[in-house]
PDB file of all heavy atoms in Angstrom:
ATOM      1  N   SER A   1      -1.999  17.077 -10.632  1.00  0.00           N
ATOM      2  CA  SER A   1      -0.582  16.770 -10.972  1.00  0.00           C
ATOM      3  C   SER A   1      -0.104  15.585 -10.241  1.00  0.00           C
ATOM      4  O   SER A   1       0.661  14.770 -10.815  1.00  0.00           O
ATOM      5  CB  SER A   1       0.261  18.045 -10.664  1.00  0.00           C
ATOM      6  OG  SER A   1       0.319  18.307  -9.237  1.00  0.00           O
ATOM      7  N   LEU A   2      -0.468  15.493  -8.960  1.00  0.00           N
ATOM      8  CA  LEU A   2      -0.001  14.302  -8.143  1.00  0.00           C
ATOM      9  C   LEU A   2      -0.585  13.025  -8.723  1.00  0.00           C
ATOM     10  O   LEU A   2       0.076  11.989  -8.790  1.00  0.00           O
ATOM     11  CB  LEU A   2      -0.388  14.482  -6.715  1.00  0.00           C
ATOM     12  CG  LEU A   2       0.402  15.615  -5.927  1.00  0.00           C
ATOM     13  CD1 LEU A   2      -0.207  15.765  -4.524  1.00  0.00           C
ATOM     14  CD2 LEU A   2       1.891  15.327  -5.906  1.00  0.00           C
ATOM     15  N   THR A   3      -1.887  13.104  -9.085  1.00  0.00           N
ATOM     16  CA  THR A   3      -2.525  11.889  -9.664  1.00  0.00           C
ATOM     17  C   THR A   3      -1.840  11.440 -10.952  1.00  0.00           C
ATOM     18  O   THR A   3      -1.519  10.275 -11.131  1.00  0.00           O
ATOM     19  CB  THR A   3      -4.042  12.152  -9.890  1.00  0.00           C
ATOM     20  OG1 THR A   3      -4.655  12.450  -8.658  1.00  0.00           O
ATOM     21  CG2 THR A   3      -4.724  10.948 -10.529  1.00  0.00           C
ATOM     22  N   PHE A   4      -1.669  12.422 -11.865  1.00  0.00           N
ATOM     23  CA  PHE A   4      -1.011  12.127 -13.129  1.00  0.00           C
ATOM     24  C   PHE A   4       0.385  11.503 -12.852  1.00  0.00           C
ATOM     25  O   PHE A   4       0.712  10.433 -13.417  1.00  0.00           O
ATOM     26  CB  PHE A   4      -0.844  13.429 -13.932  1.00  0.00           C
ATOM     27  CG  PHE A   4      -0.015  13.207 -15.172  1.00  0.00           C
ATOM     28  CD1 PHE A   4      -0.628  12.851 -16.390  1.00  0.00           C
ATOM     29  CD2 PHE A   4       1.382  13.429 -15.136  1.00  0.00           C
ATOM     30  CE1 PHE A   4       0.138  12.652 -17.535  1.00  0.00           C
ATOM     31  CE2 PHE A   4       2.149  13.230 -16.280  1.00  0.00           C
ATOM     32  CZ  PHE A   4       1.535  12.833 -17.464  1.00  0.00           C
ATOM     33  N   SER A   5       1.183  12.168 -12.054  1.00  0.00           N
ATOM     34  CA  SER A   5       2.582  11.778 -11.876  1.00  0.00           C
ATOM     35  C   SER A   5       2.681  10.434 -11.192  1.00  0.00           C
ATOM     36  O   SER A   5       3.450   9.572 -11.623  1.00  0.00           O
ATOM     37  CB  SER A   5       3.311  12.868 -11.065  1.00  0.00           C
ATOM     38  OG  SER A   5       4.716  12.728 -11.197  1.00  0.00           O
ATOM     39  N   PHE A   6       1.930  10.219 -10.117  1.00  0.00           N
ATOM     40  CA  PHE A   6       2.017   8.944  -9.379  1.00  0.00           C
ATOM     41  C   PHE A   6       1.524   7.793 -10.211  1.00  0.00           C
ATOM     42  O   PHE A   6       2.153   6.715 -10.231  1.00  0.00           O
ATOM     43  CB  PHE A   6       1.145   9.104  -8.091  1.00  0.00           C
ATOM     44  CG  PHE A   6       1.311   7.909  -7.213  1.00  0.00           C
ATOM     45  CD1 PHE A   6       2.501   7.676  -6.443  1.00  0.00           C
ATOM     46  CD2 PHE A   6       0.285   6.982  -7.058  1.00  0.00           C
ATOM     47  CE1 PHE A   6       2.641   6.513  -5.665  1.00  0.00           C
ATOM     48  CE2 PHE A   6       0.426   5.868  -6.216  1.00  0.00           C
ATOM     49  CZ  PHE A   6       1.566   5.658  -5.524  1.00  0.00           C
ATOM     50  N   CYS A   7       0.408   7.976 -10.902  1.00  0.00           N
ATOM     51  CA  CYS A   7      -0.106   6.874 -11.749  1.00  0.00           C
ATOM     52  C   CYS A   7       0.857   6.536 -12.874  1.00  0.00           C
ATOM     53  O   CYS A   7       1.022   5.376 -13.224  1.00  0.00           O
ATOM     54  CB  CYS A   7      -1.510   7.221 -12.240  1.00  0.00           C
ATOM     55  SG  CYS A   7      -2.776   7.158 -10.931  1.00  0.00           S
ATOM     56  N   LEU A   8       1.428   7.603 -13.482  1.00  0.00           N
ATOM     57  CA  LEU A   8       2.363   7.319 -14.639  1.00  0.00           C
ATOM     58  C   LEU A   8       3.589   6.634 -14.115  1.00  0.00           C
ATOM     59  O   LEU A   8       4.111   5.669 -14.733  1.00  0.00           O
ATOM     60  CB  LEU A   8       2.710   8.642 -15.303  1.00  0.00           C
ATOM     61  CG  LEU A   8       3.644   8.424 -16.555  1.00  0.00           C
ATOM     62  CD1 LEU A   8       3.055   7.476 -17.557  1.00  0.00           C
ATOM     63  CD2 LEU A   8       3.923   9.801 -17.203  1.00  0.00           C
ATOM     64  N   MET A   9       4.126   6.979 -12.935  1.00  0.00           N
ATOM     65  CA  MET A   9       5.298   6.385 -12.363  1.00  0.00           C
ATOM     66  C   MET A   9       5.082   4.905 -12.137  1.00  0.00           C
ATOM     67  O   MET A   9       5.926   4.112 -12.458  1.00  0.00           O
ATOM     68  CB  MET A   9       5.683   7.057 -11.041  1.00  0.00           C
ATOM     69  CG  MET A   9       6.955   6.504 -10.446  1.00  0.00           C
ATOM     70  SD  MET A   9       7.331   7.264  -8.814  1.00  0.00           S
ATOM     71  CE  MET A   9       6.020   6.567  -7.767  1.00  0.00           C
ATOM     72  N   LEU A  10       3.893   4.595 -11.736  1.00  0.00           N
ATOM     73  CA  LEU A  10       3.535   3.099 -11.457  1.00  0.00           C
ATOM     74  C   LEU A  10       3.261   2.411 -12.768  1.00  0.00           C
ATOM     75  O   LEU A  10       3.637   1.265 -12.998  1.00  0.00           O
ATOM     76  CB  LEU A  10       2.358   2.988 -10.534  1.00  0.00           C
ATOM     77  CG  LEU A  10       2.539   3.469  -9.037  1.00  0.00           C
ATOM     78  CD1 LEU A  10       1.286   3.240  -8.259  1.00  0.00           C
ATOM     79  CD2 LEU A  10       3.730   2.754  -8.441  1.00  0.00           C
ATOM     80  N   GLU A  11       2.548   3.040 -13.669  1.00  0.00           N
ATOM     81  CA  GLU A  11       2.101   2.468 -14.916  1.00  0.00           C
ATOM     82  C   GLU A  11       3.293   2.056 -15.778  1.00  0.00           C
ATOM     83  O   GLU A  11       3.191   1.048 -16.518  1.00  0.00           O
ATOM     84  CB  GLU A  11       1.207   3.444 -15.733  1.00  0.00           C
ATOM     85  CG  GLU A  11       0.531   2.831 -16.918  1.00  0.00           C
ATOM     86  CD  GLU A  11       1.355   2.962 -18.183  1.00  0.00           C
ATOM     87  OE1 GLU A  11       2.357   3.739 -18.211  1.00  0.00           O
ATOM     88  OE2 GLU A  11       1.026   2.270 -19.142  1.00  0.00           O
ATOM     89  N   ILE A  12       4.430   2.754 -15.647  1.00  0.00           N
ATOM     90  CA  ILE A  12       5.582   2.472 -16.441  1.00  0.00           C
ATOM     91  C   ILE A  12       6.129   1.048 -16.145  1.00  0.00           C
ATOM     92  O   ILE A  12       6.682   0.359 -17.040  1.00  0.00           O
ATOM     93  CB  ILE A  12       6.687   3.508 -16.205  1.00  0.00           C
ATOM     94  CG1 ILE A  12       6.254   4.891 -16.621  1.00  0.00           C
ATOM     95  CG2 ILE A  12       8.022   3.128 -16.872  1.00  0.00           C
ATOM     96  CD1 ILE A  12       6.028   5.043 -18.079  1.00  0.00           C
ATOM     97  N   ILE A  13       6.004   0.595 -14.895  1.00  0.00           N
ATOM     98  CA  ILE A  13       6.545  -0.761 -14.531  1.00  0.00           C
ATOM     99  C   ILE A  13       5.919  -1.874 -15.327  1.00  0.00           C
ATOM    100  O   ILE A  13       6.635  -2.638 -16.047  1.00  0.00           O
ATOM    101  CB  ILE A  13       6.371  -0.967 -12.963  1.00  0.00           C
ATOM    102  CG1 ILE A  13       7.197   0.084 -12.252  1.00  0.00           C
ATOM    103  CG2 ILE A  13       6.926  -2.385 -12.618  1.00  0.00           C
ATOM    104  CD1 ILE A  13       7.001   0.028 -10.728  1.00  0.00           C
ATOM    105  N   PRO A  14       4.590  -2.069 -15.254  1.00  0.00           N
ATOM    106  CA  PRO A  14       3.997  -3.134 -16.071  1.00  0.00           C
ATOM    107  C   PRO A  14       4.126  -2.865 -17.572  1.00  0.00           C
ATOM    108  O   PRO A  14       4.174  -3.831 -18.400  1.00  0.00           O
ATOM    109  CB  PRO A  14       2.554  -3.208 -15.607  1.00  0.00           C
ATOM    110  CG  PRO A  14       2.275  -1.816 -15.038  1.00  0.00           C
ATOM    111  CD  PRO A  14       3.600  -1.424 -14.425  1.00  0.00           C
ATOM    112  N   SER A  15       4.158  -1.601 -17.999  1.00  0.00           N
ATOM    113  CA  SER A  15       4.250  -1.248 -19.364  1.00  0.00           C
ATOM    114  C   SER A  15       5.621  -1.746 -19.919  1.00  0.00           C
ATOM    115  O   SER A  15       5.688  -2.341 -20.989  1.00  0.00           O
ATOM    116  CB  SER A  15       4.116   0.263 -19.594  1.00  0.00           C
ATOM    117  OG  SER A  15       4.119   0.536 -20.918  1.00  0.00           O
ATOM    118  N   ILE A  16       6.704  -1.464 -19.161  1.00  0.00           N
ATOM    119  CA  ILE A  16       8.020  -1.957 -19.577  1.00  0.00           C
ATOM    120  C   ILE A  16       8.080  -3.428 -19.613  1.00  0.00           C
ATOM    121  O   ILE A  16       8.644  -4.060 -20.521  1.00  0.00           O
ATOM    122  CB  ILE A  16       9.147  -1.376 -18.606  1.00  0.00           C
ATOM    123  CG1 ILE A  16       9.317   0.177 -18.883  1.00  0.00           C
ATOM    124  CG2 ILE A  16      10.430  -2.153 -18.784  1.00  0.00           C
ATOM    125  CD1 ILE A  16      10.265   0.794 -17.919  1.00  0.00           C
ATOM    126  N   ALA A  17       7.497  -4.118 -18.592  1.00  0.00           N
ATOM    127  CA  ALA A  17       7.490  -5.532 -18.521  1.00  0.00           C
ATOM    128  C   ALA A  17       6.750  -6.169 -19.739  1.00  0.00           C
ATOM    129  O   ALA A  17       7.229  -7.165 -20.292  1.00  0.00           O
ATOM    130  CB  ALA A  17       6.870  -6.036 -17.236  1.00  0.00           C
ATOM    131  N   THR A  18       5.664  -5.538 -20.069  1.00  0.00           N
ATOM    132  CA  THR A  18       4.902  -5.992 -21.237  1.00  0.00           C
ATOM    133  C   THR A  18       5.724  -5.888 -22.508  1.00  0.00           C
ATOM    134  O   THR A  18       5.679  -6.772 -23.386  1.00  0.00           O
ATOM    135  CB  THR A  18       3.551  -5.207 -21.372  1.00  0.00           C
ATOM    136  OG1 THR A  18       2.816  -5.356 -20.172  1.00  0.00           O
ATOM    137  CG2 THR A  18       2.729  -5.707 -22.475  1.00  0.00           C
ATOM    138  N   GLN A  19       6.342  -4.727 -22.687  1.00  0.00           N
ATOM    139  CA  GLN A  19       7.162  -4.461 -23.881  1.00  0.00           C
ATOM    140  C   GLN A  19       8.288  -5.501 -23.942  1.00  0.00           C
ATOM    141  O   GLN A  19       8.621  -6.057 -24.987  1.00  0.00           O
ATOM    142  CB  GLN A  19       7.743  -3.083 -23.873  1.00  0.00           C
ATOM    143  CG  GLN A  19       6.698  -1.970 -23.933  1.00  0.00           C
ATOM    144  CD  GLN A  19       6.193  -1.776 -25.358  1.00  0.00           C
ATOM    145  OE1 GLN A  19       6.793  -2.205 -26.263  1.00  0.00           O
ATOM    146  NE2 GLN A  19       5.075  -1.041 -25.512  1.00  0.00           N
ATOM    147  N   SER A  20       8.954  -5.729 -22.798  1.00  0.00           N
ATOM    148  CA  SER A  20      10.078  -6.670 -22.720  1.00  0.00           C
ATOM    149  C   SER A  20       9.588  -8.049 -23.072  1.00  0.00           C
ATOM    150  O   SER A  20      10.242  -8.767 -23.832  1.00  0.00           O
ATOM    151  CB  SER A  20      10.610  -6.688 -21.262  1.00  0.00           C
ATOM    152  OG  SER A  20      11.661  -7.613 -21.178  1.00  0.00           O
ATOM    153  N   LEU A  21       8.453  -8.444 -22.582  1.00  0.00           N
ATOM    154  CA  LEU A  21       7.913  -9.804 -22.930  1.00  0.00           C
ATOM    155  C   LEU A  21       7.635  -9.971 -24.383  1.00  0.00           C
ATOM    156  O   LEU A  21       7.850 -11.098 -24.965  1.00  0.00           O
ATOM    157  CB  LEU A  21       6.647 -10.072 -22.103  1.00  0.00           C
ATOM    158  CG  LEU A  21       6.053 -11.499 -22.155  1.00  0.00           C
ATOM    159  CD1 LEU A  21       7.067 -12.478 -21.673  1.00  0.00           C
ATOM    160  CD2 LEU A  21       4.789 -11.547 -21.292  1.00  0.00           C
ATOM    161  N   SER A  22       7.173  -8.878 -25.035  1.00  0.00           N
ATOM    162  CA  SER A  22       6.869  -8.984 -26.476  1.00  0.00           C
ATOM    163  C   SER A  22       8.173  -9.194 -27.319  1.00  0.00           C
ATOM    164  O   SER A  22       8.143  -9.926 -28.295  1.00  0.00           O
ATOM    165  CB  SER A  22       6.170  -7.699 -26.953  1.00  0.00           C
ATOM    166  OG  SER A  22       6.996  -6.553 -26.886  1.00  0.00           O
ATOM    167  N   VAL A  23       9.260  -8.565 -26.846  1.00  0.00           N
ATOM    168  CA  VAL A  23      10.558  -8.782 -27.510  1.00  0.00           C
ATOM    169  C   VAL A  23      10.981 -10.238 -27.343  1.00  0.00           C
ATOM    170  O   VAL A  23      11.412 -10.863 -28.282  1.00  0.00           O
ATOM    171  CB  VAL A  23      11.625  -7.844 -26.944  1.00  0.00           C
ATOM    172  CG1 VAL A  23      13.030  -8.252 -27.433  1.00  0.00           C
ATOM    173  CG2 VAL A  23      11.352  -6.405 -27.355  1.00  0.00           C
ATOM    174  N   VAL A  24      10.914 -10.724 -26.099  1.00  0.00           N
ATOM    175  CA  VAL A  24      11.360 -12.074 -25.833  1.00  0.00           C
ATOM    176  C   VAL A  24      10.601 -13.083 -26.636  1.00  0.00           C
ATOM    177  O   VAL A  24      11.193 -14.007 -27.218  1.00  0.00           O
ATOM    178  CB  VAL A  24      11.217 -12.382 -24.317  1.00  0.00           C
ATOM    179  CG1 VAL A  24      11.420 -13.884 -24.026  1.00  0.00           C
ATOM    180  CG2 VAL A  24      12.195 -11.567 -23.520  1.00  0.00           C
ATOM    181  N   ARG A  25       9.307 -12.979 -26.705  1.00  0.00           N
ATOM    182  CA  ARG A  25       8.538 -13.867 -27.482  1.00  0.00           C
ATOM    183  C   ARG A  25       8.844 -13.863 -28.981  1.00  0.00           C
ATOM    184  O   ARG A  25       8.829 -14.865 -29.668  1.00  0.00           O
ATOM    185  CB  ARG A  25       7.017 -13.575 -27.312  1.00  0.00           C
ATOM    186  CG  ARG A  25       6.454 -13.999 -25.942  1.00  0.00           C
ATOM    187  CD  ARG A  25       5.022 -13.559 -25.766  1.00  0.00           C
ATOM    188  NE  ARG A  25       4.473 -14.031 -24.532  1.00  0.00           N
ATOM    189  CZ  ARG A  25       3.251 -13.663 -23.985  1.00  0.00           C
ATOM    190  NH1 ARG A  25       2.531 -12.778 -24.651  1.00  0.00           N
ATOM    191  NH2 ARG A  25       2.876 -14.112 -22.877  1.00  0.00           N
ATOM    192  N   SER A  26       9.237 -12.655 -29.436  1.00  0.00           N
ATOM    193  CA  SER A  26       9.665 -12.495 -30.856  1.00  0.00           C
ATOM    194  C   SER A  26      10.981 -13.158 -31.130  1.00  0.00           C
ATOM    195  O   SER A  26      11.102 -13.923 -32.088  1.00  0.00           O
ATOM    196  CB  SER A  26       9.725 -11.006 -31.187  1.00  0.00           C
ATOM    197  OG  SER A  26      10.114 -10.817 -32.509  1.00  0.00           O
ATOM    198  N   VAL A  27      11.936 -12.917 -30.254  1.00  0.00           N
ATOM    199  CA  VAL A  27      13.282 -13.504 -30.512  1.00  0.00           C
ATOM    200  C   VAL A  27      13.361 -14.981 -30.122  1.00  0.00           C
ATOM    201  O   VAL A  27      14.286 -15.687 -30.589  1.00  0.00           O
ATOM    202  CB  VAL A  27      14.397 -12.665 -29.769  1.00  0.00           C
ATOM    203  CG1 VAL A  27      14.457 -11.244 -30.270  1.00  0.00           C
ATOM    204  CG2 VAL A  27      14.179 -12.741 -28.244  1.00  0.00           C
ATOM    205  N   ASN A  28      12.406 -15.463 -29.288  1.00  0.00           N
ATOM    206  CA  ASN A  28      12.351 -16.842 -29.006  1.00  0.00           C
ATOM    207  C   ASN A  28      12.190 -17.663 -30.240  1.00  0.00           C
ATOM    208  O   ASN A  28      12.693 -18.831 -30.345  1.00  0.00           O
ATOM    209  CB  ASN A  28      11.225 -17.170 -28.019  1.00  0.00           C
ATOM    210  CG  ASN A  28      11.517 -16.814 -26.580  1.00  0.00           C
ATOM    211  OD1 ASN A  28      10.594 -16.702 -25.802  1.00  0.00           O
ATOM    212  ND2 ASN A  28      12.787 -16.683 -26.237  1.00  0.00           N
ATOM    213  N   GLU A  29      11.474 -17.144 -31.233  1.00  0.00           N
ATOM    214  CA  GLU A  29      11.268 -17.811 -32.497  1.00  0.00           C
ATOM    215  C   GLU A  29      12.521 -17.946 -33.280  1.00  0.00           C
ATOM    216  O   GLU A  29      12.646 -18.750 -34.209  1.00  0.00           O
ATOM    217  CB  GLU A  29      10.187 -17.075 -33.274  1.00  0.00           C
ATOM    218  CG  GLU A  29       8.820 -17.018 -32.632  1.00  0.00           C
ATOM    219  CD  GLU A  29       7.797 -16.231 -33.422  1.00  0.00           C
ATOM    220  OE1 GLU A  29       8.160 -15.796 -34.530  1.00  0.00           O
ATOM    221  OE2 GLU A  29       6.653 -16.091 -32.941  1.00  0.00           O
ATOM    222  N   LEU A  30      13.513 -17.109 -32.936  1.00  0.00           N
ATOM    223  CA  LEU A  30      14.843 -17.144 -33.644  1.00  0.00           C
ATOM    224  C   LEU A  30      15.803 -18.019 -32.831  1.00  0.00           C
ATOM    225  O   LEU A  30      17.019 -18.091 -33.194  1.00  0.00           O
ATOM    226  CB  LEU A  30      15.398 -15.781 -33.805  1.00  0.00           C
ATOM    227  CG  LEU A  30      14.488 -14.772 -34.600  1.00  0.00           C
ATOM    228  CD1 LEU A  30      15.178 -13.370 -34.673  1.00  0.00           C
ATOM    229  CD2 LEU A  30      14.213 -15.279 -36.010  1.00  0.00           C
ATOM    230  N   GLY A  31      15.323 -18.669 -31.796  1.00  0.00           N
ATOM    231  CA  GLY A  31      16.182 -19.593 -30.983  1.00  0.00           C
ATOM    232  C   GLY A  31      16.913 -18.930 -29.825  1.00  0.00           C
ATOM    233  O   GLY A  31      17.819 -19.568 -29.271  1.00  0.00           O
ATOM    234  N   VAL A  32      16.597 -17.729 -29.482  1.00  0.00           N
ATOM    235  CA  VAL A  32      17.179 -17.002 -28.350  1.00  0.00           C
ATOM    236  C   VAL A  32      16.424 -17.280 -27.089  1.00  0.00           C
ATOM    237  O   VAL A  32      15.174 -17.147 -27.058  1.00  0.00           O
ATOM    238  CB  VAL A  32      17.328 -15.507 -28.636  1.00  0.00           C
ATOM    239  CG1 VAL A  32      18.011 -14.792 -27.468  1.00  0.00           C
ATOM    240  CG2 VAL A  32      18.059 -15.252 -29.924  1.00  0.00           C
ATOM    241  N   SER A  33      17.102 -17.665 -26.008  1.00  0.00           N
ATOM    242  CA  SER A  33      16.421 -17.951 -24.736  1.00  0.00           C
ATOM    243  C   SER A  33      15.917 -16.693 -24.076  1.00  0.00           C
ATOM    244  O   SER A  33      16.427 -15.600 -24.302  1.00  0.00           O
ATOM    245  CB  SER A  33      17.350 -18.681 -23.749  1.00  0.00           C
ATOM    246  OG  SER A  33      18.373 -17.834 -23.302  1.00  0.00           O
ATOM    247  N   SER A  34      14.941 -16.862 -23.183  1.00  0.00           N
ATOM    248  CA  SER A  34      14.295 -15.689 -22.463  1.00  0.00           C
ATOM    249  C   SER A  34      15.367 -15.038 -21.543  1.00  0.00           C
ATOM    250  O   SER A  34      15.361 -13.848 -21.479  1.00  0.00           O
ATOM    251  CB  SER A  34      13.097 -16.164 -21.664  1.00  0.00           C
ATOM    252  OG  SER A  34      12.114 -16.644 -22.501  1.00  0.00           O
ATOM    253  N   ILE A  35      16.146 -15.803 -20.856  1.00  0.00           N
ATOM    254  CA  ILE A  35      17.112 -15.267 -19.937  1.00  0.00           C
ATOM    255  C   ILE A  35      18.212 -14.413 -20.707  1.00  0.00           C
ATOM    256  O   ILE A  35      18.525 -13.315 -20.352  1.00  0.00           O
ATOM    257  CB  ILE A  35      17.849 -16.377 -19.155  1.00  0.00           C
ATOM    258  CG1 ILE A  35      16.865 -17.088 -18.212  1.00  0.00           C
ATOM    259  CG2 ILE A  35      19.011 -15.862 -18.370  1.00  0.00           C
ATOM    260  CD1 ILE A  35      17.416 -18.229 -17.421  1.00  0.00           C
ATOM    261  N   ALA A  36      18.688 -14.998 -21.812  1.00  0.00           N
ATOM    262  CA  ALA A  36      19.651 -14.250 -22.633  1.00  0.00           C
ATOM    263  C   ALA A  36      19.067 -12.989 -23.175  1.00  0.00           C
ATOM    264  O   ALA A  36      19.699 -11.923 -23.189  1.00  0.00           O
ATOM    265  CB  ALA A  36      20.150 -15.152 -23.744  1.00  0.00           C
ATOM    266  N   ALA A  37      17.875 -13.102 -23.713  1.00  0.00           N
ATOM    267  CA  ALA A  37      17.189 -11.925 -24.340  1.00  0.00           C
ATOM    268  C   ALA A  37      16.946 -10.832 -23.270  1.00  0.00           C
ATOM    269  O   ALA A  37      17.233  -9.652 -23.481  1.00  0.00           O
ATOM    270  CB  ALA A  37      15.864 -12.314 -24.999  1.00  0.00           C
ATOM    271  N   GLY A  38      16.433 -11.231 -22.105  1.00  0.00           N
ATOM    272  CA  GLY A  38      16.209 -10.270 -21.038  1.00  0.00           C
ATOM    273  C   GLY A  38      17.409  -9.632 -20.505  1.00  0.00           C
ATOM    274  O   GLY A  38      17.459  -8.366 -20.294  1.00  0.00           O
ATOM    275  N   THR A  39      18.500 -10.384 -20.405  1.00  0.00           N
ATOM    276  CA  THR A  39      19.819  -9.823 -19.911  1.00  0.00           C
ATOM    277  C   THR A  39      20.347  -8.781 -20.923  1.00  0.00           C
ATOM    278  O   THR A  39      20.717  -7.677 -20.513  1.00  0.00           O
ATOM    279  CB  THR A  39      20.812 -10.966 -19.700  1.00  0.00           C
ATOM    280  OG1 THR A  39      20.316 -11.829 -18.734  1.00  0.00           O
ATOM    281  CG2 THR A  39      22.122 -10.402 -19.227  1.00  0.00           C
ATOM    282  N   VAL A  40      20.406  -9.178 -22.166  1.00  0.00           N
ATOM    283  CA  VAL A  40      20.939  -8.267 -23.191  1.00  0.00           C
ATOM    284  C   VAL A  40      20.061  -7.016 -23.325  1.00  0.00           C
ATOM    285  O   VAL A  40      20.626  -5.883 -23.355  1.00  0.00           O
ATOM    286  CB  VAL A  40      20.986  -8.977 -24.567  1.00  0.00           C
ATOM    287  CG1 VAL A  40      21.342  -8.011 -25.678  1.00  0.00           C
ATOM    288  CG2 VAL A  40      22.008 -10.128 -24.531  1.00  0.00           C
ATOM    289  N   LEU A  41      18.771  -7.185 -23.259  1.00  0.00           N
ATOM    290  CA  LEU A  41      17.871  -6.038 -23.374  1.00  0.00           C
ATOM    291  C   LEU A  41      18.063  -5.081 -22.211  1.00  0.00           C
ATOM    292  O   LEU A  41      18.133  -3.868 -22.428  1.00  0.00           O
ATOM    293  CB  LEU A  41      16.427  -6.491 -23.441  1.00  0.00           C
ATOM    294  CG  LEU A  41      15.340  -5.504 -23.651  1.00  0.00           C
ATOM    295  CD1 LEU A  41      15.553  -4.716 -24.947  1.00  0.00           C
ATOM    296  CD2 LEU A  41      13.973  -6.155 -23.671  1.00  0.00           C
ATOM    297  N   ALA A  42      18.183  -5.620 -20.978  1.00  0.00           N
ATOM    298  CA  ALA A  42      18.335  -4.784 -19.803  1.00  0.00           C
ATOM    299  C   ALA A  42      19.686  -4.028 -19.812  1.00  0.00           C
ATOM    300  O   ALA A  42      19.705  -2.828 -19.487  1.00  0.00           O
ATOM    301  CB  ALA A  42      18.234  -5.630 -18.547  1.00  0.00           C
ATOM    302  N   VAL A  43      20.721  -4.729 -20.303  1.00  0.00           N
ATOM    303  CA  VAL A  43      22.039  -4.061 -20.374  1.00  0.00           C
ATOM    304  C   VAL A  43      22.015  -2.963 -21.394  1.00  0.00           C
ATOM    305  O   VAL A  43      22.511  -1.858 -21.129  1.00  0.00           O
ATOM    306  CB  VAL A  43      23.128  -5.106 -20.695  1.00  0.00           C
ATOM    307  CG1 VAL A  43      24.451  -4.428 -21.070  1.00  0.00           C
ATOM    308  CG2 VAL A  43      23.304  -6.041 -19.534  1.00  0.00           C
ATOM    309  N   LEU A  44      21.454  -3.235 -22.594  1.00  0.00           N
ATOM    310  CA  LEU A  44      21.408  -2.219 -23.646  1.00  0.00           C
ATOM    311  C   LEU A  44      20.686  -0.964 -23.225  1.00  0.00           C
ATOM    312  O   LEU A  44      21.161   0.207 -23.402  1.00  0.00           O
ATOM    313  CB  LEU A  44      20.792  -2.810 -24.903  1.00  0.00           C
ATOM    314  CG  LEU A  44      21.649  -3.836 -25.657  1.00  0.00           C
ATOM    315  CD1 LEU A  44      20.824  -4.403 -26.822  1.00  0.00           C
ATOM    316  CD2 LEU A  44      22.920  -3.211 -26.190  1.00  0.00           C
TER     317      LEU A  44
END
């Protein structure tokens, strides 16, 4: 239980960052800056 929980707690950090980066790269093609996209995404 400790292994599952601790590893998942840590795994979520790079997983969220990876997901966030994929959104930014997608909306960059629509002319939205990375800072603006990251800010809006974090707030939402």
